[in-house]
Amino acid sequence: VSGDVVSLATGWHEGPGKTIVIALVSLHVLAVLFYVLVKRHRLVR
């Protein structure tokens, strides 16, 4: 790919992309905990 594409990919991967992955995965875990602990839904088993 071109240098411009490499630059865009690198900027996203090392910046917003990494932050969004961490945030989204954390939100996913928190949602599971909410359903298990608060709504008493058995999701893990």
PDB file of all heavy atoms in Angstrom:
ATOM      1  N   VAL A   1       0.839  -1.195   0.000  1.00  0.00           N
ATOM      2  CA  VAL A   1       0.000   0.000   0.000  1.00  0.00           C
ATOM      3  C   VAL A   1       0.875   1.246   0.000  1.00  0.00           C
ATOM      4  O   VAL A   1       2.091   1.179   0.244  1.00  0.00           O
ATOM      5  CB  VAL A   1      -0.950   0.021   1.228  1.00  0.00           C
ATOM      6  CG1 VAL A   1      -1.918  -1.151   1.177  1.00  0.00           C
ATOM      7  CG2 VAL A   1      -0.150  -0.019   2.526  1.00  0.00           C
ATOM      8  N   SER A   2       0.266   2.374  -0.271  1.00  0.00           N
ATOM      9  CA  SER A   2       1.016   3.626  -0.353  1.00  0.00           C
ATOM     10  C   SER A   2       1.447   4.109   1.028  1.00  0.00           C
ATOM     11  O   SER A   2       0.923   3.673   2.054  1.00  0.00           O
ATOM     12  CB  SER A   2       0.156   4.699  -1.015  1.00  0.00           C
ATOM     13  OG  SER A   2      -0.943   5.044  -0.187  1.00  0.00           O
ATOM     14  N   GLY A   3       2.384   5.044   1.028  1.00  0.00           N
ATOM     15  CA  GLY A   3       2.855   5.617   2.280  1.00  0.00           C
ATOM     16  C   GLY A   3       1.757   6.339   3.032  1.00  0.00           C
ATOM     17  O   GLY A   3       1.727   6.323   4.273  1.00  0.00           O
ATOM     18  N   ASP A   4       0.839   6.981   2.299  1.00  0.00           N
ATOM     19  CA  ASP A   4      -0.268   7.682   2.952  1.00  0.00           C
ATOM     20  C   ASP A   4      -1.175   6.702   3.690  1.00  0.00           C
ATOM     21  O   ASP A   4      -1.633   6.981   4.803  1.00  0.00           O
ATOM     22  CB  ASP A   4      -1.089   8.454   1.920  1.00  0.00           C
ATOM     23  CG  ASP A   4      -0.341   9.663   1.363  1.00  0.00           C
ATOM     24  OD1 ASP A   4       0.608  10.117   2.035  1.00  0.00           O
ATOM     25  OD2 ASP A   4      -0.698  10.130   0.262  1.00  0.00           O
ATOM     26  N   VAL A   5      -1.418   5.546   3.062  1.00  0.00           N
ATOM     27  CA  VAL A   5      -2.261   4.536   3.705  1.00  0.00           C
ATOM     28  C   VAL A   5      -1.565   3.988   4.948  1.00  0.00           C
ATOM     29  O   VAL A   5      -2.195   3.791   5.993  1.00  0.00           O
ATOM     30  CB  VAL A   5      -2.587   3.396   2.722  1.00  0.00           C
ATOM     31  CG1 VAL A   5      -3.294   2.252   3.445  1.00  0.00           C
ATOM     32  CG2 VAL A   5      -3.450   3.911   1.577  1.00  0.00           C
ATOM     33  N   VAL A   6      -0.258   3.743   4.839  1.00  0.00           N
ATOM     34  CA  VAL A   6       0.508   3.255   5.996  1.00  0.00           C
ATOM     35  C   VAL A   6       0.446   4.261   7.134  1.00  0.00           C
ATOM     36  O   VAL A   6       0.252   3.893   8.301  1.00  0.00           O
ATOM     37  CB  VAL A   6       1.970   2.989   5.605  1.00  0.00           C
ATOM     38  CG1 VAL A   6       2.820   2.709   6.849  1.00  0.00           C
ATOM     39  CG2 VAL A   6       2.064   1.810   4.643  1.00  0.00           C
ATOM     40  N   SER A   7       0.575   5.538   6.798  1.00  0.00           N
ATOM     41  CA  SER A   7       0.537   6.583   7.827  1.00  0.00           C
ATOM     42  C   SER A   7      -0.831   6.638   8.507  1.00  0.00           C
ATOM     43  O   SER A   7      -0.923   6.725   9.739  1.00  0.00           O
ATOM     44  CB  SER A   7       0.859   7.934   7.194  1.00  0.00           C
ATOM     45  OG  SER A   7       0.807   8.971   8.158  1.00  0.00           O
ATOM     46  N   LEU A   8      -1.898   6.565   7.704  1.00  0.00           N
ATOM     47  CA  LEU A   8      -3.248   6.584   8.276  1.00  0.00           C
ATOM     48  C   LEU A   8      -3.499   5.353   9.149  1.00  0.00           C
ATOM     49  O   LEU A   8      -4.060   5.457  10.240  1.00  0.00           O
ATOM     50  CB  LEU A   8      -4.284   6.655   7.156  1.00  0.00           C
ATOM     51  CG  LEU A   8      -4.426   7.992   6.418  1.00  0.00           C
ATOM     52  CD1 LEU A   8      -5.354   7.834   5.221  1.00  0.00           C
ATOM     53  CD2 LEU A   8      -4.941   9.077   7.363  1.00  0.00           C
ATOM     54  N   ALA A   9      -3.081   4.195   8.644  1.00  0.00           N
ATOM     55  CA  ALA A   9      -3.281   2.951   9.393  1.00  0.00           C
ATOM     56  C   ALA A   9      -2.518   2.980  10.713  1.00  0.00           C
ATOM     57  O   ALA A   9      -3.042   2.577  11.760  1.00  0.00           O
ATOM     58  CB  ALA A   9      -2.853   1.757   8.551  1.00  0.00           C
ATOM     59  N   THR A  10      -1.277   3.465  10.662  1.00  0.00           N
ATOM     60  CA  THR A  10      -0.455   3.516  11.870  1.00  0.00           C
ATOM     61  C   THR A  10      -1.047   4.474  12.891  1.00  0.00           C
ATOM     62  O   THR A  10      -1.122   4.164  14.084  1.00  0.00           O
ATOM     63  CB  THR A  10       0.980   3.959  11.523  1.00  0.00           C
ATOM     64  OG1 THR A  10       1.529   3.081  10.541  1.00  0.00           O
ATOM     65  CG2 THR A  10       1.867   3.939  12.767  1.00  0.00           C
ATOM     66  N   GLY A  11      -1.479   5.646  12.406  1.00  0.00           N
ATOM     67  CA  GLY A  11      -2.061   6.630  13.315  1.00  0.00           C
ATOM     68  C   GLY A  11      -3.304   6.107  14.003  1.00  0.00           C
ATOM     69  O   GLY A  11      -3.501   6.310  15.205  1.00  0.00           O
ATOM     70  N   TRP A  12      -4.156   5.418  13.244  1.00  0.00           N
ATOM     71  CA  TRP A  12      -5.378   4.857  13.839  1.00  0.00           C
ATOM     72  C   TRP A  12      -5.047   3.720  14.793  1.00  0.00           C
ATOM     73  O   TRP A  12      -5.583   3.651  15.906  1.00  0.00           O
ATOM     74  CB  TRP A  12      -6.314   4.354  12.745  1.00  0.00           C
ATOM     75  CG  TRP A  12      -7.530   3.682  13.328  1.00  0.00           C
ATOM     76  CD1 TRP A  12      -7.694   2.345  13.576  1.00  0.00           C
ATOM     77  CD2 TRP A  12      -8.724   4.320  13.772  1.00  0.00           C
ATOM     78  NE1 TRP A  12      -8.924   2.114  14.135  1.00  0.00           N
ATOM     79  CE2 TRP A  12      -9.577   3.305  14.272  1.00  0.00           C
ATOM     80  CE3 TRP A  12      -9.158   5.649  13.779  1.00  0.00           C
ATOM     81  CZ2 TRP A  12     -10.837   3.588  14.788  1.00  0.00           C
ATOM     82  CZ3 TRP A  12     -10.417   5.928  14.303  1.00  0.00           C
ATOM     83  CH2 TRP A  12     -11.239   4.899  14.795  1.00  0.00           C
ATOM     84  N   HIS A  13      -4.176   2.819  14.365  1.00  0.00           N
ATOM     85  CA  HIS A  13      -3.875   1.625  15.157  1.00  0.00           C
ATOM     86  C   HIS A  13      -3.251   1.981  16.498  1.00  0.00           C
ATOM     87  O   HIS A  13      -3.587   1.366  17.524  1.00  0.00           O
ATOM     88  CB  HIS A  13      -2.927   0.718  14.366  1.00  0.00           C
ATOM     89  CG  HIS A  13      -2.713  -0.619  14.992  1.00  0.00           C
ATOM     90  ND1 HIS A  13      -3.595  -1.663  14.856  1.00  0.00           N
ATOM     91  CD2 HIS A  13      -1.704  -1.098  15.783  1.00  0.00           C
ATOM     92  CE1 HIS A  13      -3.163  -2.715  15.520  1.00  0.00           C
ATOM     93  NE2 HIS A  13      -2.013  -2.400  16.098  1.00  0.00           N
ATOM     94  N   GLU A  14      -2.357   2.949  16.496  1.00  0.00           N
ATOM     95  CA  GLU A  14      -1.645   3.300  17.724  1.00  0.00           C
ATOM     96  C   GLU A  14      -2.376   4.352  18.550  1.00  0.00           C
ATOM     97  O   GLU A  14      -2.007   4.593  19.698  1.00  0.00           O
ATOM     98  CB  GLU A  14      -0.239   3.798  17.388  1.00  0.00           C
ATOM     99  CG  GLU A  14       0.640   2.732  16.742  1.00  0.00           C
ATOM    100  CD  GLU A  14       2.027   3.241  16.424  1.00  0.00           C
ATOM    101  OE1 GLU A  14       2.237   4.479  16.520  1.00  0.00           O
ATOM    102  OE2 GLU A  14       2.902   2.420  16.075  1.00  0.00           O
ATOM    103  N   GLY A  15      -3.403   4.984  17.956  1.00  0.00           N
ATOM    104  CA  GLY A  15      -4.120   6.042  18.656  1.00  0.00           C
ATOM    105  C   GLY A  15      -5.551   5.680  18.971  1.00  0.00           C
ATOM    106  O   GLY A  15      -5.828   4.917  19.906  1.00  0.00           O
ATOM    107  N   PRO A  16      -6.508   6.240  18.203  1.00  0.00           N
ATOM    108  CA  PRO A  16      -7.935   6.009  18.491  1.00  0.00           C
ATOM    109  C   PRO A  16      -8.320   4.534  18.515  1.00  0.00           C
ATOM    110  O   PRO A  16      -9.126   4.119  19.348  1.00  0.00           O
ATOM    111  CB  PRO A  16      -8.645   6.745  17.345  1.00  0.00           C
ATOM    112  CG  PRO A  16      -7.667   7.751  16.862  1.00  0.00           C
ATOM    113  CD  PRO A  16      -6.323   7.134  17.037  1.00  0.00           C
ATOM    114  N   GLY A  17      -7.764   3.741  17.584  1.00  0.00           N
ATOM    115  CA  GLY A  17      -8.134   2.328  17.522  1.00  0.00           C
ATOM    116  C   GLY A  17      -7.854   1.599  18.816  1.00  0.00           C
ATOM    117  O   GLY A  17      -8.708   0.860  19.335  1.00  0.00           O
ATOM    118  N   LYS A  18      -6.658   1.807  19.345  1.00  0.00           N
ATOM    119  CA  LYS A  18      -6.277   1.139  20.598  1.00  0.00           C
ATOM    120  C   LYS A  18      -7.189   1.568  21.742  1.00  0.00           C
ATOM    121  O   LYS A  18      -7.651   0.734  22.541  1.00  0.00           O
ATOM    122  CB  LYS A  18      -4.823   1.456  20.928  1.00  0.00           C
ATOM    123  CG  LYS A  18      -4.324   0.838  22.219  1.00  0.00           C
ATOM    124  CD  LYS A  18      -2.823   1.028  22.381  1.00  0.00           C
ATOM    125  CE  LYS A  18      -2.452   2.485  22.500  1.00  0.00           C
ATOM    126  NZ  LYS A  18      -0.988   2.659  22.715  1.00  0.00           N
ATOM    127  N   THR A  19      -7.487   2.874  21.807  1.00  0.00           N
ATOM    128  CA  THR A  19      -8.343   3.396  22.874  1.00  0.00           C
ATOM    129  C   THR A  19      -9.756   2.819  22.767  1.00  0.00           C
ATOM    130  O   THR A  19     -10.359   2.433  23.776  1.00  0.00           O
ATOM    131  CB  THR A  19      -8.403   4.929  22.802  1.00  0.00           C
ATOM    132  OG1 THR A  19      -7.077   5.461  22.917  1.00  0.00           O
ATOM    133  CG2 THR A  19      -9.274   5.485  23.915  1.00  0.00           C
ATOM    134  N   ILE A  20     -10.280   2.750  21.543  1.00  0.00           N
ATOM    135  CA  ILE A  20     -11.639   2.240  21.347  1.00  0.00           C
ATOM    136  C   ILE A  20     -11.722   0.763  21.706  1.00  0.00           C
ATOM    137  O   ILE A  20     -12.703   0.309  22.307  1.00  0.00           O
ATOM    138  CB  ILE A  20     -12.094   2.474  19.892  1.00  0.00           C
ATOM    139  CG1 ILE A  20     -12.273   3.970  19.638  1.00  0.00           C
ATOM    140  CG2 ILE A  20     -13.398   1.738  19.603  1.00  0.00           C
ATOM    141  CD1 ILE A  20     -12.572   4.312  18.200  1.00  0.00           C
ATOM    142  N   VAL A  21     -10.706  -0.012  21.343  1.00  0.00           N
ATOM    143  CA  VAL A  21     -10.694  -1.438  21.686  1.00  0.00           C
ATOM    144  C   VAL A  21     -10.748  -1.619  23.196  1.00  0.00           C
ATOM    145  O   VAL A  21     -11.558  -2.390  23.720  1.00  0.00           O
ATOM    146  CB  VAL A  21      -9.452  -2.134  21.106  1.00  0.00           C
ATOM    147  CG1 VAL A  21      -9.285  -3.528  21.731  1.00  0.00           C
ATOM    148  CG2 VAL A  21      -9.561  -2.269  19.597  1.00  0.00           C
ATOM    149  N   ILE A  22      -9.882  -0.900  23.905  1.00  0.00           N
ATOM    150  CA  ILE A  22      -9.850  -1.022  25.364  1.00  0.00           C
ATOM    151  C   ILE A  22     -11.185  -0.592  25.969  1.00  0.00           C
ATOM    152  O   ILE A  22     -11.739  -1.274  26.851  1.00  0.00           O
ATOM    153  CB  ILE A  22      -8.702  -0.174  25.949  1.00  0.00           C
ATOM    154  CG1 ILE A  22      -7.344  -0.734  25.490  1.00  0.00           C
ATOM    155  CG2 ILE A  22      -8.772  -0.148  27.468  1.00  0.00           C
ATOM    156  CD1 ILE A  22      -6.159   0.112  25.891  1.00  0.00           C
ATOM    157  N   ALA A  23     -11.737   0.527  25.465  1.00  0.00           N
ATOM    158  CA  ALA A  23     -13.005   1.034  26.006  1.00  0.00           C
ATOM    159  C   ALA A  23     -14.158   0.089  25.702  1.00  0.00           C
ATOM    160  O   ALA A  23     -14.988  -0.196  26.582  1.00  0.00           O
ATOM    161  CB  ALA A  23     -13.289   2.420  25.427  1.00  0.00           C
ATOM    162  N   LEU A  24     -14.216  -0.408  24.470  1.00  0.00           N
ATOM    163  CA  LEU A  24     -15.340  -1.261  24.077  1.00  0.00           C
ATOM    164  C   LEU A  24     -15.295  -2.605  24.791  1.00  0.00           C
ATOM    165  O   LEU A  24     -16.333  -3.115  25.242  1.00  0.00           O
ATOM    166  CB  LEU A  24     -15.332  -1.463  22.568  1.00  0.00           C
ATOM    167  CG  LEU A  24     -16.621  -1.997  21.934  1.00  0.00           C
ATOM    168  CD1 LEU A  24     -17.791  -1.092  22.284  1.00  0.00           C
ATOM    169  CD2 LEU A  24     -16.471  -2.084  20.424  1.00  0.00           C
ATOM    170  N   VAL A  25     -14.116  -3.184  24.908  1.00  0.00           N
ATOM    171  CA  VAL A  25     -13.988  -4.452  25.618  1.00  0.00           C
ATOM    172  C   VAL A  25     -14.341  -4.265  27.097  1.00  0.00           C
ATOM    173  O   VAL A  25     -15.022  -5.105  27.699  1.00  0.00           O
ATOM    174  CB  VAL A  25     -12.565  -5.023  25.456  1.00  0.00           C
ATOM    175  CG1 VAL A  25     -12.362  -6.225  26.378  1.00  0.00           C
ATOM    176  CG2 VAL A  25     -12.310  -5.432  24.009  1.00  0.00           C
ATOM    177  N   SER A  26     -13.896  -3.152  27.676  1.00  0.00           N
ATOM    178  CA  SER A  26     -14.232  -2.869  29.078  1.00  0.00           C
ATOM    179  C   SER A  26     -15.730  -2.706  29.253  1.00  0.00           C
ATOM    180  O   SER A  26     -16.318  -3.216  30.218  1.00  0.00           O
ATOM    181  CB  SER A  26     -13.508  -1.598  29.543  1.00  0.00           C
ATOM    182  OG  SER A  26     -12.106  -1.736  29.448  1.00  0.00           O
ATOM    183  N   LEU A  27     -16.369  -2.008  28.307  1.00  0.00           N
ATOM    184  CA  LEU A  27     -17.821  -1.822  28.362  1.00  0.00           C
ATOM    185  C   LEU A  27     -18.544  -3.155  28.227  1.00  0.00           C
ATOM    186  O   LEU A  27     -19.550  -3.396  28.907  1.00  0.00           O
ATOM    187  CB  LEU A  27     -18.255  -0.870  27.245  1.00  0.00           C
ATOM    188  CG  LEU A  27     -19.751  -0.526  27.182  1.00  0.00           C
ATOM    189  CD1 LEU A  27     -20.185   0.185  28.462  1.00  0.00           C
ATOM    190  CD2 LEU A  27     -20.036   0.353  25.966  1.00  0.00           C
ATOM    191  N   HIS A  28     -18.018  -4.023  27.371  1.00  0.00           N
ATOM    192  CA  HIS A  28     -18.610  -5.352  27.182  1.00  0.00           C
ATOM    193  C   HIS A  28     -18.562  -6.145  28.492  1.00  0.00           C
ATOM    194  O   HIS A  28     -19.553  -6.775  28.888  1.00  0.00           O
ATOM    195  CB  HIS A  28     -17.852  -6.087  26.083  1.00  0.00           C
ATOM    196  CG  HIS A  28     -18.471  -7.385  25.674  1.00  0.00           C
ATOM    197  ND1 HIS A  28     -19.621  -7.458  24.921  1.00  0.00           N
ATOM    198  CD2 HIS A  28     -18.115  -8.672  25.929  1.00  0.00           C
ATOM    199  CE1 HIS A  28     -19.939  -8.730  24.720  1.00  0.00           C
ATOM    200  NE2 HIS A  28     -19.035  -9.484  25.322  1.00  0.00           N
ATOM    201  N   VAL A  29     -17.426  -6.095  29.174  1.00  0.00           N
ATOM    202  CA  VAL A  29     -17.277  -6.804  30.446  1.00  0.00           C
ATOM    203  C   VAL A  29     -18.216  -6.222  31.495  1.00  0.00           C
ATOM    204  O   VAL A  29     -18.871  -6.959  32.253  1.00  0.00           O
ATOM    205  CB  VAL A  29     -15.814  -6.741  30.927  1.00  0.00           C
ATOM    206  CG1 VAL A  29     -15.695  -7.310  32.346  1.00  0.00           C
ATOM    207  CG2 VAL A  29     -14.904  -7.502  29.980  1.00  0.00           C
ATOM    208  N   LEU A  30     -18.305  -4.891  31.554  1.00  0.00           N
ATOM    209  CA  LEU A  30     -19.196  -4.244  32.525  1.00  0.00           C
ATOM    210  C   LEU A  30     -20.659  -4.596  32.256  1.00  0.00           C
ATOM    211  O   LEU A  30     -21.442  -4.785  33.200  1.00  0.00           O
ATOM    212  CB  LEU A  30     -18.994  -2.730  32.478  1.00  0.00           C
ATOM    213  CG  LEU A  30     -17.666  -2.206  33.036  1.00  0.00           C
ATOM    214  CD1 LEU A  30     -17.549  -0.695  32.806  1.00  0.00           C
ATOM    215  CD2 LEU A  30     -17.533  -2.530  34.516  1.00  0.00           C
ATOM    216  N   ALA A  31     -21.027  -4.680  30.969  1.00  0.00           N
ATOM    217  CA  ALA A  31     -22.404  -5.044  30.632  1.00  0.00           C
ATOM    218  C   ALA A  31     -22.716  -6.464  31.093  1.00  0.00           C
ATOM    219  O   ALA A  31     -23.808  -6.736  31.614  1.00  0.00           O
ATOM    220  CB  ALA A  31     -22.611  -4.914  29.130  1.00  0.00           C
ATOM    221  N   VAL A  32     -21.766  -7.374  30.905  1.00  0.00           N
ATOM    222  CA  VAL A  32     -21.958  -8.751  31.360  1.00  0.00           C
ATOM    223  C   VAL A  32     -22.120  -8.786  32.877  1.00  0.00           C
ATOM    224  O   VAL A  32     -23.011  -9.468  33.415  1.00  0.00           O
ATOM    225  CB  VAL A  32     -20.779  -9.638  30.921  1.00  0.00           C
ATOM    226  CG1 VAL A  32     -20.853 -11.002  31.599  1.00  0.00           C
ATOM    227  CG2 VAL A  32     -20.770  -9.808  29.406  1.00  0.00           C
ATOM    228  N   LEU A  33     -21.267  -8.040  33.587  1.00  0.00           N
ATOM    229  CA  LEU A  33     -21.365  -7.991  35.047  1.00  0.00           C
ATOM    230  C   LEU A  33     -22.709  -7.409  35.488  1.00  0.00           C
ATOM    231  O   LEU A  33     -23.310  -7.882  36.470  1.00  0.00           O
ATOM    232  CB  LEU A  33     -20.216  -7.146  35.613  1.00  0.00           C
ATOM    233  CG  LEU A  33     -18.817  -7.750  35.491  1.00  0.00           C
ATOM    234  CD1 LEU A  33     -17.772  -6.757  36.006  1.00  0.00           C
ATOM    235  CD2 LEU A  33     -18.714  -9.059  36.253  1.00  0.00           C
ATOM    236  N   PHE A  34     -23.202  -6.415  34.767  1.00  0.00           N
ATOM    237  CA  PHE A  34     -24.500  -5.813  35.101  1.00  0.00           C
ATOM    238  C   PHE A  34     -25.613  -6.849  34.974  1.00  0.00           C
ATOM    239  O   PHE A  34     -26.463  -6.978  35.857  1.00  0.00           O
ATOM    240  CB  PHE A  34     -24.771  -4.624  34.178  1.00  0.00           C
ATOM    241  CG  PHE A  34     -26.169  -4.077  34.296  1.00  0.00           C
ATOM    242  CD1 PHE A  34     -26.528  -3.281  35.374  1.00  0.00           C
ATOM    243  CD2 PHE A  34     -27.136  -4.373  33.331  1.00  0.00           C
ATOM    244  CE1 PHE A  34     -27.828  -2.785  35.490  1.00  0.00           C
ATOM    245  CE2 PHE A  34     -28.423  -3.881  33.445  1.00  0.00           C
ATOM    246  CZ  PHE A  34     -28.771  -3.084  34.528  1.00  0.00           C
ATOM    247  N   TYR A  35     -25.600  -7.590  33.870  1.00  0.00           N
ATOM    248  CA  TYR A  35     -26.654  -8.589  33.656  1.00  0.00           C
ATOM    249  C   TYR A  35     -26.547  -9.730  34.672  1.00  0.00           C
ATOM    250  O   TYR A  35     -27.561 -10.278  35.104  1.00  0.00           O
ATOM    251  CB  TYR A  35     -26.575  -9.147  32.236  1.00  0.00           C
ATOM    252  CG  TYR A  35     -27.350  -8.322  31.236  1.00  0.00           C
ATOM    253  CD1 TYR A  35     -26.732  -7.324  30.497  1.00  0.00           C
ATOM    254  CD2 TYR A  35     -28.708  -8.524  31.038  1.00  0.00           C
ATOM    255  CE1 TYR A  35     -27.443  -6.545  29.598  1.00  0.00           C
ATOM    256  CE2 TYR A  35     -29.439  -7.759  30.142  1.00  0.00           C
ATOM    257  CZ  TYR A  35     -28.794  -6.772  29.421  1.00  0.00           C
ATOM    258  OH  TYR A  35     -29.509  -6.002  28.536  1.00  0.00           O
ATOM    259  N   VAL A  36     -25.323 -10.081  35.053  1.00  0.00           N
ATOM    260  CA  VAL A  36     -25.138 -11.193  35.991  1.00  0.00           C
ATOM    261  C   VAL A  36     -25.468 -10.772  37.426  1.00  0.00           C
ATOM    262  O   VAL A  36     -26.190 -11.484  38.145  1.00  0.00           O
ATOM    263  CB  VAL A  36     -23.694 -11.724  35.905  1.00  0.00           C
ATOM    264  CG1 VAL A  36     -23.427 -12.724  37.034  1.00  0.00           C
ATOM    265  CG2 VAL A  36     -23.453 -12.386  34.555  1.00  0.00           C
ATOM    266  N   LEU A  37     -24.953  -9.622  37.844  1.00  0.00           N
ATOM    267  CA  LEU A  37     -25.075  -9.217  39.241  1.00  0.00           C
ATOM    268  C   LEU A  37     -26.365  -8.459  39.546  1.00  0.00           C
ATOM    269  O   LEU A  37     -26.921  -8.595  40.643  1.00  0.00           O
ATOM    270  CB  LEU A  37     -23.869  -8.349  39.634  1.00  0.00           C
ATOM    271  CG  LEU A  37     -22.499  -9.022  39.509  1.00  0.00           C
ATOM    272  CD1 LEU A  37     -21.394  -8.046  39.880  1.00  0.00           C
ATOM    273  CD2 LEU A  37     -22.419 -10.271  40.387  1.00  0.00           C
ATOM    274  N   VAL A  38     -26.831  -7.668  38.588  1.00  0.00           N
ATOM    275  CA  VAL A  38     -28.009  -6.839  38.834  1.00  0.00           C
ATOM    276  C   VAL A  38     -29.285  -7.504  38.323  1.00  0.00           C
ATOM    277  O   VAL A  38     -30.266  -7.651  39.060  1.00  0.00           O
ATOM    278  CB  VAL A  38     -27.846  -5.439  38.211  1.00  0.00           C
ATOM    279  CG1 VAL A  38     -29.099  -4.596  38.438  1.00  0.00           C
ATOM    280  CG2 VAL A  38     -26.619  -4.739  38.791  1.00  0.00           C
ATOM    281  N   LYS A  39     -29.280  -7.915  37.063  1.00  0.00           N
ATOM    282  CA  LYS A  39     -30.484  -8.499  36.479  1.00  0.00           C
ATOM    283  C   LYS A  39     -30.583 -10.010  36.707  1.00  0.00           C
ATOM    284  O   LYS A  39     -31.578 -10.636  36.332  1.00  0.00           O
ATOM    285  CB  LYS A  39     -30.533  -8.187  34.983  1.00  0.00           C
ATOM    286  CG  LYS A  39     -30.470  -6.695  34.661  1.00  0.00           C
ATOM    287  CD  LYS A  39     -30.940  -6.381  33.268  1.00  0.00           C
ATOM    288  CE  LYS A  39     -32.441  -6.491  33.168  1.00  0.00           C
ATOM    289  NZ  LYS A  39     -32.972  -6.015  31.872  1.00  0.00           N
ATOM    290  N   ARG A  40     -29.513 -10.588  37.289  1.00  0.00           N
ATOM    291  CA  ARG A  40     -29.520 -12.008  37.643  1.00  0.00           C
ATOM    292  C   ARG A  40     -29.708 -12.923  36.433  1.00  0.00           C
ATOM    293  O   ARG A  40     -30.378 -13.951  36.519  1.00  0.00           O
ATOM    294  CB  ARG A  40     -30.597 -12.308  38.691  1.00  0.00           C
ATOM    295  CG  ARG A  40     -30.432 -11.527  39.982  1.00  0.00           C
ATOM    296  CD  ARG A  40     -29.146 -11.894  40.692  1.00  0.00           C
ATOM    297  NE  ARG A  40     -28.984 -11.146  41.937  1.00  0.00           N
ATOM    298  CZ  ARG A  40     -27.922 -11.259  42.745  1.00  0.00           C
ATOM    299  NH1 ARG A  40     -26.942 -12.072  42.401  1.00  0.00           N
ATOM    300  NH2 ARG A  40     -27.836 -10.546  43.850  1.00  0.00           N
ATOM    301  N   HIS A  41     -29.137 -12.542  35.315  1.00  0.00           N
ATOM    302  CA  HIS A  41     -29.164 -13.398  34.136  1.00  0.00           C
ATOM    303  C   HIS A  41     -27.902 -14.254  34.114  1.00  0.00           C
ATOM    304  O   HIS A  41     -26.796 -13.731  34.290  1.00  0.00           O
ATOM    305  CB  HIS A  41     -29.224 -12.546  32.857  1.00  0.00           C
ATOM    306  CG  HIS A  41     -30.553 -11.900  32.648  1.00  0.00           C
ATOM    307  ND1 HIS A  41     -30.835 -11.138  31.542  1.00  0.00           N
ATOM    308  CD2 HIS A  41     -31.686 -11.892  33.409  1.00  0.00           C
ATOM    309  CE1 HIS A  41     -32.071 -10.679  31.613  1.00  0.00           C
ATOM    310  NE2 HIS A  41     -32.604 -11.127  32.746  1.00  0.00           N
ATOM    311  N   ARG A  42     -28.056 -15.531  33.877  1.00  0.00           N
ATOM    312  CA  ARG A  42     -26.897 -16.424  33.816  1.00  0.00           C
ATOM    313  C   ARG A  42     -26.286 -16.367  32.416  1.00  0.00           C
ATOM    314  O   ARG A  42     -26.780 -16.985  31.484  1.00  0.00           O
ATOM    315  CB  ARG A  42     -27.316 -17.852  34.149  1.00  0.00           C
ATOM    316  CG  ARG A  42     -27.811 -18.027  35.581  1.00  0.00           C
ATOM    317  CD  ARG A  42     -28.169 -19.480  35.862  1.00  0.00           C
ATOM    318  NE  ARG A  42     -28.566 -19.686  37.245  1.00  0.00           N
ATOM    319  CZ  ARG A  42     -28.894 -20.863  37.750  1.00  0.00           C
ATOM    320  NH1 ARG A  42     -28.887 -21.942  36.973  1.00  0.00           N
ATOM    321  NH2 ARG A  42     -29.246 -20.967  39.015  1.00  0.00           N
ATOM    322  N   LEU A  43     -25.210 -15.608  32.291  1.00  0.00           N
ATOM    323  CA  LEU A  43     -24.570 -15.441  30.988  1.00  0.00           C
ATOM    324  C   LEU A  43     -23.272 -16.233  30.867  1.00  0.00           C
ATOM    325  O   LEU A  43     -22.940 -16.710  29.787  1.00  0.00           O
ATOM    326  CB  LEU A  43     -24.281 -13.951  30.737  1.00  0.00           C
ATOM    327  CG  LEU A  43     -25.487 -13.012  30.690  1.00  0.00           C
ATOM    328  CD1 LEU A  43     -25.017 -11.590  30.420  1.00  0.00           C
ATOM    329  CD2 LEU A  43     -26.475 -13.453  29.633  1.00  0.00           C
ATOM    330  N   VAL A  44     -22.551 -16.360  31.972  1.00  0.00           N
ATOM    331  CA  VAL A  44     -21.225 -16.988  31.921  1.00  0.00           C
ATOM    332  C   VAL A  44     -21.338 -18.503  31.849  1.00  0.00           C
ATOM    333  O   VAL A  44     -20.688 -19.143  31.014  1.00  0.00           O
ATOM    334  CB  VAL A  44     -20.379 -16.569  33.140  1.00  0.00           C
ATOM    335  CG1 VAL A  44     -19.023 -17.283  33.112  1.00  0.00           C
ATOM    336  CG2 VAL A  44     -20.173 -15.062  33.149  1.00  0.00           C
ATOM    337  N   ARG A  45     -22.171 -19.087  32.699  1.00  0.00           N
ATOM    338  CA  ARG A  45     -22.270 -20.547  32.738  1.00  0.00           C
ATOM    339  C   ARG A  45     -22.678 -21.154  31.394  1.00  0.00           C
ATOM    340  O   ARG A  45     -22.078 -22.137  30.950  1.00  0.00           O
ATOM    341  CB  ARG A  45     -23.231 -20.985  33.842  1.00  0.00           C
ATOM    342  CG  ARG A  45     -23.321 -22.496  34.001  1.00  0.00           C
ATOM    343  CD  ARG A  45     -24.214 -22.885  35.156  1.00  0.00           C
ATOM    344  NE  ARG A  45     -23.689 -22.424  36.424  1.00  0.00           N
ATOM    345  CZ  ARG A  45     -24.310 -22.596  37.593  1.00  0.00           C
ATOM    346  NH1 ARG A  45     -25.487 -23.202  37.618  1.00  0.00           N
ATOM    347  NH2 ARG A  45     -23.771 -22.159  38.702  1.00  0.00           N
TER     348      ARG A  45
END
